[in-house]
N, C-alpha and C. Protein backbone atom coordinates (compact mmCIF):
# COMPACT_ATOMS: atom_id res chain seq x y z
N MET A 1 -114.40 -46.94 -145.56
CA MET A 1 -113.83 -45.79 -144.88
C MET A 1 -114.53 -44.49 -145.30
N ILE A 2 -114.84 -44.38 -146.58
CA ILE A 2 -115.52 -43.18 -147.08
C ILE A 2 -116.90 -43.05 -146.43
N ASN A 3 -117.61 -44.17 -146.29
CA ASN A 3 -118.93 -44.13 -145.66
C ASN A 3 -118.85 -43.70 -144.20
N LEU A 4 -117.82 -44.13 -143.50
CA LEU A 4 -117.61 -43.74 -142.11
C LEU A 4 -117.38 -42.22 -142.02
N ILE A 5 -116.59 -41.69 -142.90
CA ILE A 5 -116.33 -40.24 -142.94
C ILE A 5 -117.60 -39.48 -143.28
N LYS A 6 -118.38 -39.98 -144.23
CA LYS A 6 -119.64 -39.33 -144.59
C LYS A 6 -120.61 -39.30 -143.41
N ARG A 7 -120.71 -40.42 -142.68
CA ARG A 7 -121.58 -40.48 -141.51
C ARG A 7 -121.12 -39.49 -140.44
N TRP A 8 -119.80 -39.41 -140.23
CA TRP A 8 -119.25 -38.50 -139.23
C TRP A 8 -119.55 -37.05 -139.61
N LEU A 9 -119.36 -36.70 -140.87
CA LEU A 9 -119.63 -35.34 -141.34
C LEU A 9 -121.12 -35.00 -141.25
N THR A 10 -121.96 -35.97 -141.58
CA THR A 10 -123.41 -35.76 -141.49
C THR A 10 -123.81 -35.52 -140.05
N SER A 11 -123.25 -36.28 -139.13
CA SER A 11 -123.55 -36.12 -137.70
C SER A 11 -123.11 -34.75 -137.21
N LYS A 12 -121.91 -34.32 -137.59
CA LYS A 12 -121.40 -33.00 -137.18
C LYS A 12 -122.28 -31.90 -137.75
N ASN A 13 -122.66 -32.04 -138.99
CA ASN A 13 -123.52 -31.04 -139.63
C ASN A 13 -124.87 -30.96 -138.91
N GLU A 14 -125.42 -32.11 -138.55
CA GLU A 14 -126.70 -32.13 -137.86
C GLU A 14 -126.58 -31.48 -136.48
N LYS A 15 -125.47 -31.71 -135.82
CA LYS A 15 -125.23 -31.10 -134.51
C LYS A 15 -125.25 -29.57 -134.61
N PHE A 16 -124.54 -29.05 -135.60
CA PHE A 16 -124.52 -27.59 -135.81
C PHE A 16 -125.90 -27.07 -136.21
N ASN A 17 -126.64 -27.86 -136.98
CA ASN A 17 -127.99 -27.44 -137.39
C ASN A 17 -128.94 -27.37 -136.19
N ILE A 18 -128.83 -28.30 -135.26
CA ILE A 18 -129.67 -28.28 -134.07
C ILE A 18 -129.40 -27.01 -133.27
N VAL A 19 -128.14 -26.67 -133.11
CA VAL A 19 -127.77 -25.45 -132.38
C VAL A 19 -128.30 -24.22 -133.12
N ALA A 20 -128.15 -24.19 -134.43
CA ALA A 20 -128.63 -23.05 -135.22
C ALA A 20 -130.15 -22.91 -135.13
N GLU A 21 -130.88 -24.03 -135.20
CA GLU A 21 -132.35 -24.00 -135.08
C GLU A 21 -132.77 -23.51 -133.70
N PHE A 22 -132.10 -23.97 -132.66
CA PHE A 22 -132.39 -23.53 -131.30
C PHE A 22 -132.20 -22.02 -131.19
N ASN A 23 -131.08 -21.54 -131.73
CA ASN A 23 -130.78 -20.11 -131.65
C ASN A 23 -131.78 -19.27 -132.44
N LYS A 24 -132.19 -19.76 -133.59
CA LYS A 24 -133.18 -19.03 -134.39
C LYS A 24 -134.52 -18.96 -133.65
N SER A 25 -134.95 -20.08 -133.07
CA SER A 25 -136.20 -20.12 -132.32
C SER A 25 -136.13 -19.20 -131.11
N SER A 26 -135.02 -19.21 -130.41
CA SER A 26 -134.86 -18.35 -129.24
C SER A 26 -134.87 -16.88 -129.62
N ALA A 27 -134.20 -16.56 -130.73
CA ALA A 27 -134.19 -15.17 -131.20
C ALA A 27 -135.58 -14.71 -131.58
N ASN A 28 -136.35 -15.59 -132.23
CA ASN A 28 -137.73 -15.25 -132.60
C ASN A 28 -138.59 -14.99 -131.36
N LYS A 29 -138.42 -15.80 -130.32
CA LYS A 29 -139.17 -15.61 -129.07
C LYS A 29 -138.80 -14.27 -128.43
N TRP A 30 -137.53 -13.95 -128.45
CA TRP A 30 -137.06 -12.66 -127.91
C TRP A 30 -137.65 -11.50 -128.72
N ASP A 31 -137.56 -11.60 -130.04
CA ASP A 31 -138.06 -10.53 -130.92
C ASP A 31 -139.55 -10.27 -130.70
N LYS A 32 -140.32 -11.33 -130.50
CA LYS A 32 -141.77 -11.20 -130.33
C LYS A 32 -142.16 -10.79 -128.90
N GLY A 33 -141.19 -10.76 -128.01
CA GLY A 33 -141.49 -10.41 -126.62
C GLY A 33 -141.99 -11.58 -125.80
N ASP A 34 -141.82 -12.80 -126.31
CA ASP A 34 -142.29 -13.99 -125.60
C ASP A 34 -141.28 -14.49 -124.56
N SER A 35 -140.09 -13.92 -124.57
CA SER A 35 -139.05 -14.33 -123.64
C SER A 35 -138.41 -13.09 -123.02
N PRO A 36 -138.22 -13.10 -121.69
CA PRO A 36 -137.60 -11.93 -121.06
C PRO A 36 -136.09 -11.85 -121.29
N PHE A 37 -135.50 -12.94 -121.77
CA PHE A 37 -134.05 -12.99 -121.99
C PHE A 37 -133.76 -13.50 -123.39
N LEU A 38 -132.70 -12.97 -123.97
CA LEU A 38 -132.18 -13.51 -125.21
C LEU A 38 -131.23 -14.64 -124.81
N ILE A 39 -131.52 -15.83 -125.26
CA ILE A 39 -130.65 -16.96 -124.94
C ILE A 39 -130.12 -17.55 -126.24
N SER A 40 -128.96 -18.18 -126.12
CA SER A 40 -128.37 -18.82 -127.30
C SER A 40 -127.64 -20.09 -126.86
N ALA A 41 -127.50 -21.00 -127.79
CA ALA A 41 -126.83 -22.27 -127.52
C ALA A 41 -125.50 -22.32 -128.25
N SER A 42 -124.61 -23.12 -127.71
CA SER A 42 -123.33 -23.37 -128.35
C SER A 42 -122.85 -24.77 -127.97
N ILE A 43 -121.85 -25.22 -128.66
CA ILE A 43 -121.27 -26.54 -128.40
C ILE A 43 -120.01 -26.35 -127.57
N VAL A 44 -119.95 -27.05 -126.44
CA VAL A 44 -118.79 -26.97 -125.55
C VAL A 44 -118.31 -28.37 -125.20
N LYS A 45 -117.26 -28.45 -124.42
CA LYS A 45 -116.63 -29.74 -124.13
C LYS A 45 -117.56 -30.74 -123.42
N GLY A 46 -118.34 -30.32 -122.46
CA GLY A 46 -119.21 -31.25 -121.74
C GLY A 46 -118.54 -31.83 -120.51
N ASN A 47 -119.28 -32.64 -119.78
CA ASN A 47 -118.80 -33.23 -118.54
C ASN A 47 -118.64 -34.74 -118.74
N LYS A 48 -117.44 -35.23 -118.50
CA LYS A 48 -117.16 -36.66 -118.73
C LYS A 48 -118.01 -37.58 -117.85
N ASP A 49 -118.52 -37.07 -116.74
CA ASP A 49 -119.37 -37.88 -115.85
C ASP A 49 -120.72 -38.21 -116.47
N TYR A 50 -121.10 -37.48 -117.52
CA TYR A 50 -122.40 -37.69 -118.15
C TYR A 50 -122.31 -38.45 -119.47
N LYS A 51 -121.16 -38.98 -119.79
CA LYS A 51 -120.95 -39.69 -121.06
C LYS A 51 -121.91 -40.86 -121.20
N HIS A 52 -122.30 -41.12 -122.45
CA HIS A 52 -123.11 -42.29 -122.78
C HIS A 52 -122.57 -42.87 -124.08
N SER A 53 -123.15 -43.93 -124.56
CA SER A 53 -122.60 -44.65 -125.72
C SER A 53 -122.53 -43.80 -126.98
N SER A 54 -123.35 -42.77 -127.12
CA SER A 54 -123.33 -41.92 -128.31
C SER A 54 -122.57 -40.61 -128.11
N SER A 55 -121.97 -40.42 -126.94
CA SER A 55 -121.31 -39.15 -126.64
C SER A 55 -120.21 -38.83 -127.64
N ASP A 56 -120.13 -37.56 -127.97
CA ASP A 56 -119.13 -37.04 -128.89
C ASP A 56 -118.01 -36.40 -128.07
N THR A 57 -116.94 -35.97 -128.72
CA THR A 57 -115.84 -35.30 -128.03
C THR A 57 -116.32 -33.99 -127.42
N PHE A 58 -116.92 -33.14 -128.21
CA PHE A 58 -117.51 -31.91 -127.69
C PHE A 58 -118.99 -32.21 -127.48
N SER A 59 -119.32 -32.57 -126.24
CA SER A 59 -120.63 -33.15 -125.95
C SER A 59 -121.53 -32.26 -125.10
N GLY A 60 -121.11 -31.03 -124.88
CA GLY A 60 -121.91 -30.12 -124.07
C GLY A 60 -122.79 -29.21 -124.92
N PHE A 61 -124.04 -29.11 -124.54
CA PHE A 61 -125.00 -28.19 -125.17
C PHE A 61 -125.18 -27.06 -124.16
N ARG A 62 -124.48 -25.94 -124.41
CA ARG A 62 -124.51 -24.82 -123.46
C ARG A 62 -125.52 -23.78 -123.91
N VAL A 63 -126.40 -23.43 -122.99
CA VAL A 63 -127.37 -22.37 -123.20
C VAL A 63 -126.90 -21.18 -122.37
N THR A 64 -126.74 -20.05 -123.05
CA THR A 64 -126.25 -18.84 -122.39
C THR A 64 -127.36 -17.81 -122.35
N ILE A 65 -127.57 -17.25 -121.17
CA ILE A 65 -128.58 -16.20 -120.97
C ILE A 65 -127.86 -14.86 -121.09
N ASP A 66 -128.25 -14.08 -122.07
CA ASP A 66 -127.58 -12.80 -122.34
C ASP A 66 -128.19 -11.70 -121.48
N THR A 67 -127.59 -11.50 -120.30
CA THR A 67 -128.05 -10.45 -119.40
C THR A 67 -126.92 -10.07 -118.47
N LYS A 68 -126.93 -8.83 -118.05
CA LYS A 68 -125.93 -8.36 -117.08
C LYS A 68 -126.50 -8.44 -115.65
N GLN A 69 -127.83 -8.53 -115.53
CA GLN A 69 -128.44 -8.58 -114.22
C GLN A 69 -128.21 -9.92 -113.55
N SER A 70 -128.22 -9.92 -112.23
CA SER A 70 -128.07 -11.18 -111.51
C SER A 70 -129.36 -11.98 -111.64
N LEU A 71 -129.20 -13.26 -111.68
CA LEU A 71 -130.34 -14.16 -111.86
C LEU A 71 -130.43 -15.11 -110.68
N ASN A 72 -131.65 -15.38 -110.25
CA ASN A 72 -131.80 -16.38 -109.21
C ASN A 72 -131.89 -17.76 -109.85
N ASP A 73 -131.76 -18.78 -109.04
CA ASP A 73 -131.75 -20.15 -109.55
C ASP A 73 -133.04 -20.53 -110.25
N GLU A 74 -134.13 -19.86 -109.91
CA GLU A 74 -135.43 -20.14 -110.51
C GLU A 74 -135.40 -19.93 -112.03
N VAL A 75 -134.66 -18.92 -112.48
CA VAL A 75 -134.55 -18.65 -113.92
C VAL A 75 -133.87 -19.83 -114.62
N PHE A 76 -132.81 -20.35 -114.04
CA PHE A 76 -132.09 -21.48 -114.63
C PHE A 76 -132.97 -22.73 -114.66
N VAL A 77 -133.71 -22.96 -113.58
CA VAL A 77 -134.60 -24.13 -113.51
C VAL A 77 -135.72 -24.00 -114.55
N THR A 78 -136.26 -22.80 -114.72
CA THR A 78 -137.32 -22.58 -115.70
C THR A 78 -136.82 -22.88 -117.11
N ILE A 79 -135.63 -22.43 -117.44
CA ILE A 79 -135.06 -22.70 -118.77
C ILE A 79 -134.78 -24.19 -118.93
N GLU A 80 -134.25 -24.82 -117.90
CA GLU A 80 -133.99 -26.26 -117.94
C GLU A 80 -135.29 -27.03 -118.18
N LYS A 81 -136.34 -26.68 -117.46
CA LYS A 81 -137.63 -27.37 -117.62
C LYS A 81 -138.20 -27.15 -119.01
N SER A 82 -138.02 -25.96 -119.54
CA SER A 82 -138.51 -25.66 -120.88
C SER A 82 -137.81 -26.54 -121.92
N ILE A 83 -136.51 -26.67 -121.79
CA ILE A 83 -135.74 -27.52 -122.72
C ILE A 83 -136.14 -28.99 -122.52
N ALA A 84 -136.21 -29.42 -121.26
CA ALA A 84 -136.54 -30.82 -120.97
C ALA A 84 -137.94 -31.20 -121.43
N SER A 85 -138.83 -30.23 -121.50
CA SER A 85 -140.20 -30.54 -121.94
C SER A 85 -140.27 -30.83 -123.44
N ASP A 86 -139.26 -30.44 -124.17
CA ASP A 86 -139.19 -30.70 -125.61
C ASP A 86 -138.46 -32.03 -125.82
N GLN A 87 -139.20 -33.12 -125.69
CA GLN A 87 -138.59 -34.45 -125.76
C GLN A 87 -137.98 -34.75 -127.13
N GLU A 88 -138.53 -34.17 -128.18
CA GLU A 88 -137.91 -34.36 -129.50
C GLU A 88 -136.51 -33.75 -129.51
N LEU A 89 -136.35 -32.56 -128.93
CA LEU A 89 -135.03 -31.93 -128.83
C LEU A 89 -134.09 -32.77 -127.98
N ILE A 90 -134.56 -33.24 -126.83
CA ILE A 90 -133.72 -34.07 -125.95
C ILE A 90 -133.23 -35.30 -126.68
N ARG A 91 -134.12 -35.97 -127.40
CA ARG A 91 -133.74 -37.18 -128.14
C ARG A 91 -132.73 -36.87 -129.25
N LYS A 92 -132.93 -35.74 -129.95
CA LYS A 92 -131.98 -35.34 -130.99
C LYS A 92 -130.61 -35.06 -130.38
N LEU A 93 -130.61 -34.34 -129.26
CA LEU A 93 -129.33 -34.02 -128.61
C LEU A 93 -128.56 -35.29 -128.25
N ILE A 94 -129.25 -36.26 -127.68
CA ILE A 94 -128.61 -37.52 -127.32
C ILE A 94 -128.11 -38.25 -128.56
N ARG A 95 -128.96 -38.32 -129.59
CA ARG A 95 -128.61 -39.07 -130.80
C ARG A 95 -127.37 -38.52 -131.50
N VAL A 96 -127.20 -37.20 -131.50
CA VAL A 96 -126.06 -36.62 -132.22
C VAL A 96 -124.81 -36.47 -131.35
N GLY A 97 -124.89 -36.93 -130.09
CA GLY A 97 -123.68 -36.99 -129.27
C GLY A 97 -123.58 -36.03 -128.11
N PHE A 98 -124.62 -35.26 -127.85
CA PHE A 98 -124.58 -34.39 -126.67
C PHE A 98 -124.89 -35.22 -125.43
N ASP A 99 -124.23 -34.90 -124.31
CA ASP A 99 -124.53 -35.59 -123.06
C ASP A 99 -124.70 -34.64 -121.88
N THR A 100 -124.28 -33.39 -122.04
CA THR A 100 -124.32 -32.43 -120.95
C THR A 100 -125.16 -31.21 -121.35
N LEU A 101 -126.10 -30.84 -120.49
CA LEU A 101 -126.86 -29.60 -120.67
C LEU A 101 -126.30 -28.59 -119.69
N GLU A 102 -125.80 -27.48 -120.21
CA GLU A 102 -125.26 -26.41 -119.38
C GLU A 102 -126.13 -25.17 -119.57
N ILE A 103 -126.42 -24.49 -118.48
CA ILE A 103 -127.15 -23.23 -118.55
C ILE A 103 -126.39 -22.21 -117.72
N PHE A 104 -125.90 -21.16 -118.38
CA PHE A 104 -125.09 -20.15 -117.72
C PHE A 104 -125.51 -18.75 -118.13
N ARG A 105 -125.24 -17.81 -117.27
CA ARG A 105 -125.41 -16.40 -117.61
C ARG A 105 -124.21 -15.98 -118.43
N SER A 106 -124.41 -15.10 -119.42
CA SER A 106 -123.30 -14.66 -120.27
C SER A 106 -122.20 -14.03 -119.42
N SER A 107 -121.00 -14.23 -119.84
CA SER A 107 -119.78 -13.70 -119.19
C SER A 107 -119.78 -13.92 -117.68
N SER A 108 -120.15 -15.14 -117.29
CA SER A 108 -120.18 -15.48 -115.87
C SER A 108 -120.02 -16.98 -115.71
N SER A 109 -119.55 -17.35 -114.54
CA SER A 109 -119.48 -18.78 -114.23
C SER A 109 -120.71 -19.20 -113.43
N HIS A 110 -121.69 -18.28 -113.31
CA HIS A 110 -122.92 -18.59 -112.57
C HIS A 110 -123.86 -19.39 -113.46
N GLY A 111 -124.12 -20.62 -113.05
CA GLY A 111 -125.00 -21.49 -113.81
C GLY A 111 -124.89 -22.91 -113.29
N PHE A 112 -125.33 -23.84 -114.09
CA PHE A 112 -125.26 -25.24 -113.67
C PHE A 112 -125.25 -26.15 -114.89
N GLU A 113 -125.00 -27.41 -114.64
CA GLU A 113 -125.03 -28.41 -115.70
C GLU A 113 -125.72 -29.67 -115.19
N SER A 114 -126.26 -30.43 -116.16
CA SER A 114 -126.92 -31.68 -115.82
C SER A 114 -126.76 -32.65 -116.98
N SER A 115 -127.05 -33.90 -116.72
CA SER A 115 -127.00 -34.93 -117.74
C SER A 115 -128.23 -34.80 -118.65
N ILE A 116 -128.01 -34.75 -119.95
CA ILE A 116 -129.14 -34.66 -120.88
C ILE A 116 -130.00 -35.92 -120.77
N LYS A 117 -129.37 -37.07 -120.58
CA LYS A 117 -130.15 -38.31 -120.48
C LYS A 117 -131.10 -38.30 -119.30
N SER A 118 -130.77 -37.54 -118.25
CA SER A 118 -131.66 -37.48 -117.08
C SER A 118 -132.98 -36.78 -117.43
N HIS A 119 -133.01 -36.08 -118.54
CA HIS A 119 -134.23 -35.38 -118.96
C HIS A 119 -135.07 -36.20 -119.94
N LEU A 120 -134.58 -37.37 -120.28
CA LEU A 120 -135.30 -38.23 -121.22
C LEU A 120 -136.42 -38.95 -120.49
N LYS A 121 -137.63 -38.74 -120.96
CA LYS A 121 -138.80 -39.41 -120.37
C LYS A 121 -138.83 -40.85 -120.86
N SER A 122 -139.32 -41.74 -120.03
CA SER A 122 -139.39 -43.13 -120.45
C SER A 122 -140.40 -43.30 -121.57
N PHE A 123 -140.17 -44.28 -122.37
CA PHE A 123 -141.00 -44.55 -123.54
C PHE A 123 -142.07 -45.55 -123.17
N ASN A 124 -143.31 -45.11 -123.20
CA ASN A 124 -144.43 -46.00 -122.86
C ASN A 124 -145.38 -46.09 -124.02
N ARG A 125 -145.69 -47.29 -124.44
CA ARG A 125 -146.68 -47.53 -125.50
C ARG A 125 -147.58 -48.64 -125.07
């Protein structure tokens, strides 16, 4: 029982660390002028339609774009493609229990969500 609790705590800690690393990297890109928007990630409930065998209770990885200006769908797609291109991140997200990728503008319901597994590239060797 103790080992099960240790594994659960380690998994939760890793989940928070992934979010913290993402936020630090995003802040650095913003600070250097490499990104037109300050974005940040958080853990949210997720969408039950995207559940998989490793899904956690709070399984949503929400990326929030901090801007008051209206955004066209192209901005959301660009951020989604950027995240999906980082296959190491996608695999980590799945492994620690995330199943939903959400991208929203801050203080708005304007955005979208998708299955994180849909962004996983097939493994070819």
